Structure formats: C-alpha cells, structure tokens
Amino acid sequence: FKKFADSASIYDSKLSRIDNCLSMLALIQRRWLFLHPILIRGFIERDLFHTIDSGYQKTMRTIELFPKLFDVCDEKIHLNLEKFLTNIIDGINSCQRAIFDFLEKKRSIMPRFYFL
C-alpha cells in the first residue's frame, strides 16, 4: 500500500472535492428549478436572481463542455468552483428569504394568502 499511498491520497482528495461540488450543484439545481419560474417574472430580488441565473447557466455550460467526472474538480477548467457554488447557494437563500418575507407581508394584509 505504501507504493500507492501518494496517488491514493490524491484520488481521495479529488473524489472528496467532486462529491462536494456535485452535492452543491444538486442543491442549486433543486432550488433553482423551484425559484426560476417565480423570480424570472417577478419583482422580488430580480437583479440578484438574474446574476445567479447567468452564473449558474455559465457553469453548467462549462460542465457540459468538459463532461468527464474529474474535470469537475480541475482548477484549470473551473477556477474557484466551490467558492462560486457557495456564493450561488447564498444568493439563492437570499432570494428565497425575500419570497417568504414578501408572502408574509401579504399574509398579514390578507389572511387567505396563508394557503399559499
């Protein structure tokens, strides 16, 4: 095992990074699919969502161009991908909070909005 310890640790770190990136991409995709129809037409956090939307789509196009699994964690192809995905998740959370705050404000005015 000592013979392969260096390459095993390199693959272990790459696979860990791939797992982290793919988990974040799956989370972003689920939330993006939920928020996209709401925010693309609305007035709530529209500018922030357009920034998130364009960044997400650019990242997905780059992943489509380099579909190999180990390319996801390649810093030459995806510079600071984990940090970028974390920023997208933070932005999506901000958009989601804005929607909930908007609905809560409307619910306080009209109680029937509690069914939304």
Protein backbone atom coordinates (compact mmCIF):
# COMPACT_ATOMS: atom_id res chain seq x y z
CA PHE A 1 0.00 0.00 0.00
CA LYS A 2 2.90 2.37 0.64
CA LYS A 3 3.67 2.23 -3.04
CA PHE A 4 0.27 3.70 -3.90
CA ALA A 5 -0.22 5.94 -0.85
CA ASP A 6 0.56 9.19 -2.67
CA SER A 7 -1.69 8.52 -5.65
CA ALA A 8 -4.41 7.16 -3.35
CA SER A 9 -4.41 10.35 -1.28
CA ILE A 10 -4.56 12.47 -4.45
CA TYR A 11 -7.56 10.50 -5.72
CA ASP A 12 -9.16 10.65 -2.30
CA SER A 13 -8.94 14.44 -2.21
CA LYS A 14 -10.20 14.71 -5.81
CA LEU A 15 -13.15 12.42 -5.10
CA SER A 16 -13.97 14.35 -1.94
CA ARG A 17 -13.94 17.61 -3.88
CA ILE A 18 -16.06 16.09 -6.66
CA ASP A 19 -18.58 14.87 -4.08
CA ASN A 20 -18.75 18.31 -2.51
CA CYS A 21 -19.19 20.07 -5.87
CA LEU A 22 -21.81 17.62 -7.13
CA SER A 23 -23.76 17.91 -3.86
CA MET A 24 -23.76 21.68 -4.15
CA LEU A 25 -24.75 21.52 -7.82
CA ALA A 26 -27.68 19.21 -6.98
CA LEU A 27 -28.84 21.56 -4.22
CA ILE A 28 -28.56 24.57 -6.53
CA GLN A 29 -30.44 22.77 -9.27
CA ARG A 30 -33.33 21.84 -6.97
CA ARG A 31 -33.67 25.35 -5.59
CA TRP A 32 -33.09 26.97 -8.97
CA LEU A 33 -35.89 24.90 -10.53
CA PHE A 34 -38.20 25.97 -7.70
CA LEU A 35 -37.31 29.67 -7.82
CA HIS A 36 -36.80 30.20 -11.55
CA PRO A 37 -40.48 30.42 -12.59
CA ILE A 38 -41.26 32.68 -9.63
CA LEU A 39 -38.37 35.10 -9.84
CA ILE A 40 -37.80 35.34 -13.58
CA ARG A 41 -41.07 37.29 -13.94
CA GLY A 42 -41.44 38.86 -10.55
CA PHE A 43 -40.13 41.96 -8.90
CA ILE A 44 -38.63 40.28 -5.84
CA GLU A 45 -34.82 40.12 -5.95
CA ARG A 46 -34.94 40.15 -9.74
CA ASP A 47 -31.44 41.57 -10.31
CA LEU A 48 -29.84 39.19 -7.84
CA PHE A 49 -31.61 36.23 -9.39
CA HIS A 50 -30.53 37.23 -12.90
CA THR A 51 -26.93 37.32 -11.69
CA ILE A 52 -27.35 33.90 -10.09
CA ASP A 53 -29.15 32.58 -13.17
CA SER A 54 -26.45 33.69 -15.60
CA GLY A 55 -23.66 32.36 -13.37
CA TYR A 56 -25.41 29.02 -12.92
CA GLN A 57 -26.07 28.63 -16.63
CA LYS A 58 -22.46 29.56 -17.49
CA THR A 59 -21.18 26.97 -15.02
CA MET A 60 -23.48 24.29 -16.40
CA ARG A 61 -22.37 25.08 -19.97
CA THR A 62 -18.73 24.71 -18.92
CA ILE A 63 -19.52 21.38 -17.26
CA GLU A 64 -21.29 20.31 -20.44
CA LEU A 65 -18.18 21.15 -22.49
CA PHE A 66 -15.99 19.07 -20.16
CA PRO A 67 -18.23 16.15 -19.16
CA LYS A 68 -15.56 13.94 -17.58
CA LEU A 69 -16.01 13.47 -13.86
CA PHE A 70 -12.51 14.53 -12.86
CA ASP A 71 -12.87 17.72 -14.91
CA VAL A 72 -15.37 18.97 -12.33
CA CYS A 73 -12.60 19.39 -9.78
CA ASP A 74 -9.96 20.65 -12.21
CA GLU A 75 -8.89 24.17 -11.19
CA LYS A 76 -7.70 24.92 -14.74
CA ILE A 77 -11.21 24.46 -16.09
CA HIS A 78 -13.30 25.64 -13.13
CA LEU A 79 -11.42 28.31 -11.23
CA ASN A 80 -12.67 28.52 -7.61
CA LEU A 81 -15.74 26.41 -8.38
CA GLU A 82 -16.51 25.52 -4.76
CA LYS A 83 -16.40 29.17 -3.66
CA PHE A 84 -18.53 30.17 -6.64
CA LEU A 85 -21.13 27.48 -5.88
CA THR A 86 -21.21 28.56 -2.22
CA ASN A 87 -21.90 32.14 -3.35
CA ILE A 88 -24.71 30.93 -5.62
CA ILE A 89 -26.26 28.99 -2.72
CA ASP A 90 -26.07 32.09 -0.52
CA GLY A 91 -27.73 34.16 -3.25
CA ILE A 92 -30.48 31.59 -3.73
CA ASN A 93 -31.08 31.55 0.02
CA SER A 94 -31.37 35.34 -0.06
CA CYS A 95 -33.91 35.15 -2.90
CA GLN A 96 -35.88 32.50 -1.04
CA ARG A 97 -35.95 34.64 2.12
CA ALA A 98 -37.16 37.60 0.06
CA ILE A 99 -40.04 35.49 -1.30
CA PHE A 100 -41.01 34.29 2.18
CA ASP A 101 -40.84 37.84 3.56
CA PHE A 102 -42.97 39.10 0.67
CA LEU A 103 -45.56 36.38 1.24
CA GLU A 104 -45.56 37.01 4.98
CA LYS A 105 -46.19 40.71 4.37
CA LYS A 106 -49.08 39.87 2.04
CA ARG A 107 -50.44 37.32 4.51
CA SER A 108 -50.59 39.91 7.25
CA ILE A 109 -52.70 42.10 4.95
CA MET A 110 -54.88 39.29 3.59
CA PRO A 111 -55.16 36.13 5.71
CA ARG A 112 -56.28 33.96 2.78
CA PHE A 113 -52.70 34.06 1.47
CA TYR A 114 -51.80 31.65 4.27
CA PHE A 115 -52.95 28.90 1.92
CA LEU A 116 -50.06 29.64 -0.49
